[in-house]
C-alpha atoms as a PDB file:
ATOM      1  CA  MET A   1      -4.457  -4.627   0.902  1.00  0.00           C
ATOM      2  CA  LEU A   2      -8.075  -4.245   1.854  1.00  0.00           C
ATOM      3  CA  ARG A   3      -9.595  -4.160   5.288  1.00  0.00           C
ATOM      4  CA  ARG A   4     -10.494  -7.718   6.350  1.00  0.00           C
ATOM      5  CA  SER A   5     -14.150  -8.475   5.785  1.00  0.00           C
ATOM      6  CA  THR A   6     -16.572 -11.328   5.299  1.00  0.00           C
ATOM      7  CA  HIS A   7     -17.117 -12.222   1.652  1.00  0.00           C
ATOM      8  CA  VAL A   8     -20.817 -12.448   0.783  1.00  0.00           C
ATOM      9  CA  TRP A   9     -22.610 -13.197  -2.487  1.00  0.00           C
ATOM     10  CA  SER A  10     -25.831 -11.203  -2.634  1.00  0.00           C
ATOM     11  CA  GLU A  11     -28.546  -9.826  -4.877  1.00  0.00           C
ATOM     12  CA  ALA A  12     -28.086  -6.220  -3.729  1.00  0.00           C
ATOM     13  CA  TYR A  13     -25.756  -3.997  -1.745  1.00  0.00           C
ATOM     14  CA  GLU A  14     -26.523  -0.844   0.189  1.00  0.00           C
ATOM     15  CA  ALA A  15     -23.895   1.250   1.902  1.00  0.00           C
ATOM     16  CA  PRO A  16     -23.701   4.651   3.506  1.00  0.00           C
ATOM     17  CA  GLY A  17     -22.231   7.498   1.532  1.00  0.00           C
ATOM     18  CA  PHE A  18     -18.498   7.615   2.097  1.00  0.00           C
ATOM     19  CA  THR A  19     -16.280  10.620   2.445  1.00  0.00           C
ATOM     20  CA  VAL A  20     -13.393   9.749   0.118  1.00  0.00           C
ATOM     21  CA  GLN A  21      -9.900  10.800   1.155  1.00  0.00           C
ATOM     22  CA  SER A  22      -6.572   9.735  -0.272  1.00  0.00           C
ATOM     23  CA  VAL A  23      -2.837  10.046   0.029  1.00  0.00           C
ATOM     24  CA  ILE A  24      -1.620   9.423  -3.495  1.00  0.00           C
ATOM     25  CA  GLY A  25       0.936  11.340  -5.537  1.00  0.00           C
ATOM     26  CA  ARG A  26       2.835  13.372  -2.952  1.00  0.00           C
ATOM     27  CA  SER A  27       5.870  15.450  -3.965  1.00  0.00           C
ATOM     28  CA  ASP A  28       8.693  17.599  -2.674  1.00  0.00           C
ATOM     29  CA  ASP A  29       8.159  21.358  -2.681  1.00  0.00           C
ATOM     30  CA  LEU A  30      11.589  22.936  -2.911  1.00  0.00           C
ATOM     31  CA  VAL A  31      10.200  26.482  -2.841  1.00  0.00           C
ATOM     32  CA  ALA A  32       8.270  25.870   0.398  1.00  0.00           C
ATOM     33  CA  GLY A  33      11.121  23.793   1.832  1.00  0.00           C
ATOM     34  CA  THR A  34       8.862  20.785   2.375  1.00  0.00           C
ATOM     35  CA  SER A  35      10.121  17.282   1.709  1.00  0.00           C
ATOM     36  CA  TYR A  36       8.062  14.502   0.179  1.00  0.00           C
ATOM     37  CA  TYR A  37       7.953  12.763   3.545  1.00  0.00           C
ATOM     38  CA  GLN A  38       6.857  15.878   5.469  1.00  0.00           C
ATOM     39  CA  ASP A  39       4.102  16.506   2.944  1.00  0.00           C
ATOM     40  CA  GLU A  40       2.928  12.917   3.256  1.00  0.00           C
ATOM     41  CA  VAL A  41       2.983  12.901   7.080  1.00  0.00           C
ATOM     42  CA  GLU A  42       0.782  16.003   7.167  1.00  0.00           C
ATOM     43  CA  ALA A  43      -1.671  14.470   4.674  1.00  0.00           C
ATOM     44  CA  VAL A  44      -1.776  11.109   6.469  1.00  0.00           C
ATOM     45  CA  LEU A  45      -2.389  12.722   9.846  1.00  0.00           C
ATOM     46  CA  ARG A  46      -5.338  14.676   8.399  1.00  0.00           C
ATOM     47  CA  LEU A  47      -6.847  11.307   7.440  1.00  0.00           C
ATOM     48  CA  VAL A  48      -6.089   9.776  10.839  1.00  0.00           C
ATOM     49  CA  HIS A  49      -7.873  12.673  12.543  1.00  0.00           C
ATOM     50  CA  SER A  50     -10.802  12.310  10.103  1.00  0.00           C
ATOM     51  CA  SER A  51     -11.038   8.620  11.006  1.00  0.00           C
ATOM     52  CA  HIS A  52     -11.999   9.480  14.577  1.00  0.00           C
ATOM     53  CA  SER A  53     -15.448  10.593  13.391  1.00  0.00           C
ATOM     54  CA  ASP A  54     -18.429   8.265  13.057  1.00  0.00           C
ATOM     55  CA  ARG A  55     -18.957   9.328   9.431  1.00  0.00           C
ATOM     56  CA  PRO A  56     -17.861   6.466   7.138  1.00  0.00           C
ATOM     57  CA  HIS A  57     -14.769   7.190   5.053  1.00  0.00           C
ATOM     58  CA  LEU A  58     -13.113   5.478   2.134  1.00  0.00           C
ATOM     59  CA  PHE A  59      -9.367   5.959   2.629  1.00  0.00           C
ATOM     60  CA  LEU A  60      -7.025   5.302  -0.310  1.00  0.00           C
ATOM     61  CA  PHE A  61      -3.232   5.021   0.015  1.00  0.00           C
ATOM     62  CA  ASP A  62      -0.439   4.322  -2.430  1.00  0.00           C
ATOM     63  CA  GLU A  63       2.856   3.127  -0.932  1.00  0.00           C
ATOM     64  CA  LEU A  64       2.594   4.853   2.429  1.00  0.00           C
ATOM     65  CA  PHE A  65       5.744   6.632   3.651  1.00  0.00           C
ATOM     66  CA  ARG A  66       7.906   5.695   0.669  1.00  0.00           C
ATOM     67  CA  GLY A  67      10.058   8.740   1.407  1.00  0.00           C
ATOM     68  CA  THR A  68      11.836   7.163   4.376  1.00  0.00           C
ATOM     69  CA  SER A  69      13.763   4.074   5.464  1.00  0.00           C
ATOM     70  CA  THR A  70      12.298   0.594   5.199  1.00  0.00           C
ATOM     71  CA  VAL A  71      12.021   0.018   8.963  1.00  0.00           C
ATOM     72  CA  GLU A  72      10.378   3.389   9.590  1.00  0.00           C
ATOM     73  CA  ARG A  73       8.116   3.081   6.521  1.00  0.00           C
ATOM     74  CA  VAL A  74       6.721  -0.314   7.496  1.00  0.00           C
ATOM     75  CA  SER A  75       6.377   0.605  11.178  1.00  0.00           C
ATOM     76  CA  ALA A  76       4.660   3.941  10.552  1.00  0.00           C
ATOM     77  CA  ALA A  77       2.354   2.486   7.885  1.00  0.00           C
ATOM     78  CA  GLU A  78       1.326  -0.367  10.173  1.00  0.00           C
ATOM     79  CA  GLY A  79       0.481   2.079  12.968  1.00  0.00           C
ATOM     80  CA  VAL A  80      -1.586   4.301  10.688  1.00  0.00           C
ATOM     81  CA  LEU A  81      -3.442   1.491   8.920  1.00  0.00           C
ATOM     82  CA  ALA A  82      -4.290  -0.233  12.220  1.00  0.00           C
ATOM     83  CA  GLU A  83      -5.553   3.055  13.657  1.00  0.00           C
ATOM     84  CA  LEU A  84      -7.861   3.733  10.707  1.00  0.00           C
ATOM     85  CA  VAL A  85      -9.872   0.547  11.249  1.00  0.00           C
ATOM     86  CA  GLY A  86      -9.903   0.515  15.027  1.00  0.00           C
ATOM     87  CA  ASN A  87      -6.537  -0.479  16.435  1.00  0.00           C
ATOM     88  CA  PRO A  88      -6.872  -4.094  17.685  1.00  0.00           C
ATOM     89  CA  ASP A  89      -3.806  -3.614  19.928  1.00  0.00           C
ATOM     90  CA  GLU A  90      -5.718  -1.076  21.984  1.00  0.00           C
ATOM     91  CA  ALA A  91      -9.060  -2.917  22.107  1.00  0.00           C
ATOM     92  CA  SER A  92     -10.873  -0.029  20.417  1.00  0.00           C
ATOM     93  CA  PRO A  93     -14.058  -0.838  18.542  1.00  0.00           C
ATOM     94  CA  SER A  94     -14.025  -1.505  14.820  1.00  0.00           C
ATOM     95  CA  SER A  95     -14.562   1.561  12.667  1.00  0.00           C
ATOM     96  CA  PRO A  96     -17.093   2.236   9.888  1.00  0.00           C
ATOM     97  CA  HIS A  97     -14.283   3.004   7.425  1.00  0.00           C
ATOM     98  CA  VAL A  98     -13.060   1.174   4.360  1.00  0.00           C
ATOM     99  CA  VAL A  99      -9.319   1.366   3.730  1.00  0.00           C
ATOM    100  CA  ILE A 100      -7.492   0.404   0.534  1.00  0.00           C
ATOM    101  CA  ALA A 101      -3.705   0.573   0.684  1.00  0.00           C
ATOM    102  CA  ALA A 102      -1.372  -0.349  -2.165  1.00  0.00           C
ATOM    103  CA  THR A 103       2.012  -1.614  -1.007  1.00  0.00           C
ATOM    104  CA  HIS A 104       4.951  -3.701  -2.160  1.00  0.00           C
ATOM    105  CA  ASP A 105       6.153  -4.197   1.429  1.00  0.00           C
ATOM    106  CA  ARG A 106       5.608  -7.879   2.216  1.00  0.00           C
ATOM    107  CA  LYS A 107       6.415  -7.263   5.884  1.00  0.00           C
ATOM    108  CA  LEU A 108       3.614  -4.708   6.101  1.00  0.00           C
ATOM    109  CA  VAL A 109       1.206  -7.191   4.516  1.00  0.00           C
ATOM    110  CA  ASP A 110       2.325  -9.828   7.035  1.00  0.00           C
ATOM    111  CA  PHE A 111       2.006  -7.497  10.040  1.00  0.00           C
ATOM    112  CA  LEU A 112      -1.549  -6.510   9.088  1.00  0.00           C
ATOM    113  CA  GLY A 113      -2.676 -10.009   8.118  1.00  0.00           C
ATOM    114  CA  ASP A 114      -5.176 -10.223  10.989  1.00  0.00           C
ATOM    115  CA  THR A 115      -6.750  -6.875  10.095  1.00  0.00           C
ATOM    116  CA  TYR A 116      -6.548  -6.562   6.307  1.00  0.00           C
ATOM    117  CA  ASP A 117      -7.063  -8.933   3.387  1.00  0.00           C
ATOM    118  CA  ALA A 118      -4.374  -8.893   0.720  1.00  0.00           C
ATOM    119  CA  TYR A 119      -5.191  -8.781  -2.992  1.00  0.00           C
ATOM    120  CA  HIS A 120      -3.012  -8.226  -6.024  1.00  0.00           C
ATOM    121  CA  PHE A 121      -2.870  -7.918  -9.786  1.00  0.00           C
ATOM    122  CA  SER A 122      -0.598 -10.268 -11.666  1.00  0.00           C
ATOM    123  CA  ASP A 123       1.962  -8.832 -14.064  1.00  0.00           C
ATOM    124  CA  VAL A 124       4.355 -10.053 -16.724  1.00  0.00           C
ATOM    125  CA  VAL A 125       7.386  -8.388 -18.260  1.00  0.00           C
ATOM    126  CA  GLY A 126       7.485  -9.651 -21.828  1.00  0.00           C
ATOM    127  CA  SER A 127       8.609  -8.489 -25.237  1.00  0.00           C
ATOM    128  CA  ASP A 128       6.138  -5.564 -25.058  1.00  0.00           C
ATOM    129  CA  GLY A 129       7.215  -4.442 -21.589  1.00  0.00           C
ATOM    130  CA  LEU A 130       5.094  -4.624 -18.445  1.00  0.00           C
ATOM    131  CA  SER A 131       1.531  -5.858 -18.797  1.00  0.00           C
ATOM    132  CA  PHE A 132      -1.284  -6.668 -16.379  1.00  0.00           C
ATOM    133  CA  ASP A 133      -4.391  -8.757 -16.861  1.00  0.00           C
ATOM    134  CA  TYR A 134      -6.289  -6.581 -14.329  1.00  0.00           C
ATOM    135  CA  ARG A 135      -7.854  -9.562 -12.580  1.00  0.00           C
ATOM    136  CA  LEU A 136      -7.925  -9.084  -8.833  1.00  0.00           C
ATOM    137  CA  ARG A 137      -6.436 -12.093  -7.057  1.00  0.00           C
ATOM    138  CA  ILE A 138      -6.572 -13.060  -3.400  1.00  0.00           C
ATOM    139  CA  GLY A 139      -3.318 -12.915  -1.442  1.00  0.00           C
ATOM    140  CA  PRO A 140      -0.125 -10.889  -1.708  1.00  0.00           C
ATOM    141  CA  ALA A 141       1.664 -10.546  -5.035  1.00  0.00           C
ATOM    142  CA  HIS A 142       4.398 -13.061  -5.766  1.00  0.00           C
ATOM    143  CA  THR A 143       5.736 -11.624  -8.998  1.00  0.00           C
ATOM    144  CA  ARG A 144       8.565  -9.145  -9.209  1.00  0.00           C
ATOM    145  CA  ASN A 145       9.231  -6.757 -12.012  1.00  0.00           C
ATOM    146  CA  ALA A 146      11.693  -4.016 -11.007  1.00  0.00           C
ATOM    147  CA  ILE A 147      14.874  -5.759 -12.150  1.00  0.00           C
ATOM    148  CA  ALA A 148      13.178  -7.203 -15.221  1.00  0.00           C
ATOM    149  CA  LEU A 149      12.039  -3.690 -16.160  1.00  0.00           C
ATOM    150  CA  LEU A 150      15.578  -2.362 -15.712  1.00  0.00           C
ATOM    151  CA  GLU A 151      16.705  -4.993 -18.161  1.00  0.00           C
ATOM    152  CA  TRP A 152      13.787  -4.370 -20.560  1.00  0.00           C
ATOM    153  CA  TYR A 153      14.554  -0.641 -20.661  1.00  0.00           C
ATOM    154  CA  GLY A 154      18.189  -1.331 -21.507  1.00  0.00           C
ATOM    155  CA  ALA A 155      20.053  -1.010 -18.223  1.00  0.00           C
ATOM    156  CA  PRO A 156      23.686  -2.105 -18.500  1.00  0.00           C
ATOM    157  CA  THR A 157      24.169  -5.844 -18.001  1.00  0.00           C
ATOM    158  CA  SER A 158      26.394  -5.111 -14.998  1.00  0.00           C
ATOM    159  CA  VAL A 159      23.514  -3.260 -13.278  1.00  0.00           C
ATOM    160  CA  VAL A 160      21.046  -6.081 -13.911  1.00  0.00           C
ATOM    161  CA  ARG A 161      23.506  -8.776 -12.834  1.00  0.00           C
ATOM    162  CA  ARG A 162      24.393  -6.908  -9.633  1.00  0.00           C
ATOM    163  CA  ALA A 163      20.717  -6.285  -8.820  1.00  0.00           C
ATOM    164  CA  ARG A 164      19.854  -9.966  -9.298  1.00  0.00           C
ATOM    165  CA  ARG A 165      22.744 -11.020  -7.056  1.00  0.00           C
ATOM    166  CA  ARG A 166      21.663  -8.620  -4.326  1.00  0.00           C
ATOM    167  CA  ALA A 167      18.024  -9.711  -4.592  1.00  0.00           C
ATOM    168  CA  ALA A 168      19.121 -13.348  -4.206  1.00  0.00           C
ATOM    169  CA  GLU A 169      21.159 -12.433  -1.104  1.00  0.00           C
ATOM    170  CA  LEU A 170      18.248 -10.536   0.412  1.00  0.00           C
ATOM    171  CA  GLU A 171      15.924 -13.452  -0.222  1.00  0.00           C
ATOM    172  CA  ARG A 172      18.076 -15.755   1.911  1.00  0.00           C
END
């Protein structure tokens, strides 16, 4: 997802220098007693506090809050992503920041549809495994690959069959 913007064709582009900050690749630290989720919350809140400055930032996220339940993950991610661009629920002004957030949560994409534009890469699981054409497309992704990859990597037929049944139930 990208922050909603006006699309313009132009001869040139000038932008302020951005401070780049990201939350990508978090991990548990068993020695320090810190969970993946705790580590991520601390990192995300550093970015939220940074967003309150007037200095333009480029914020990059990969699957925000994946270390917790679906309801909490989507809710917390929506709150954070709305805050970073000037929370429209609280009538605060728009921010100078650019936010790019990768997510597979369709609900999160739907909730932020008035604030962010959705883009995706198309993928195919074929005889050579997972492949992408690396062409950015407008809108949320419609393809799915997790169960197909289980099958491609040799998961037992019973696992694949059960996963497909459950996915069909969840779709309804």
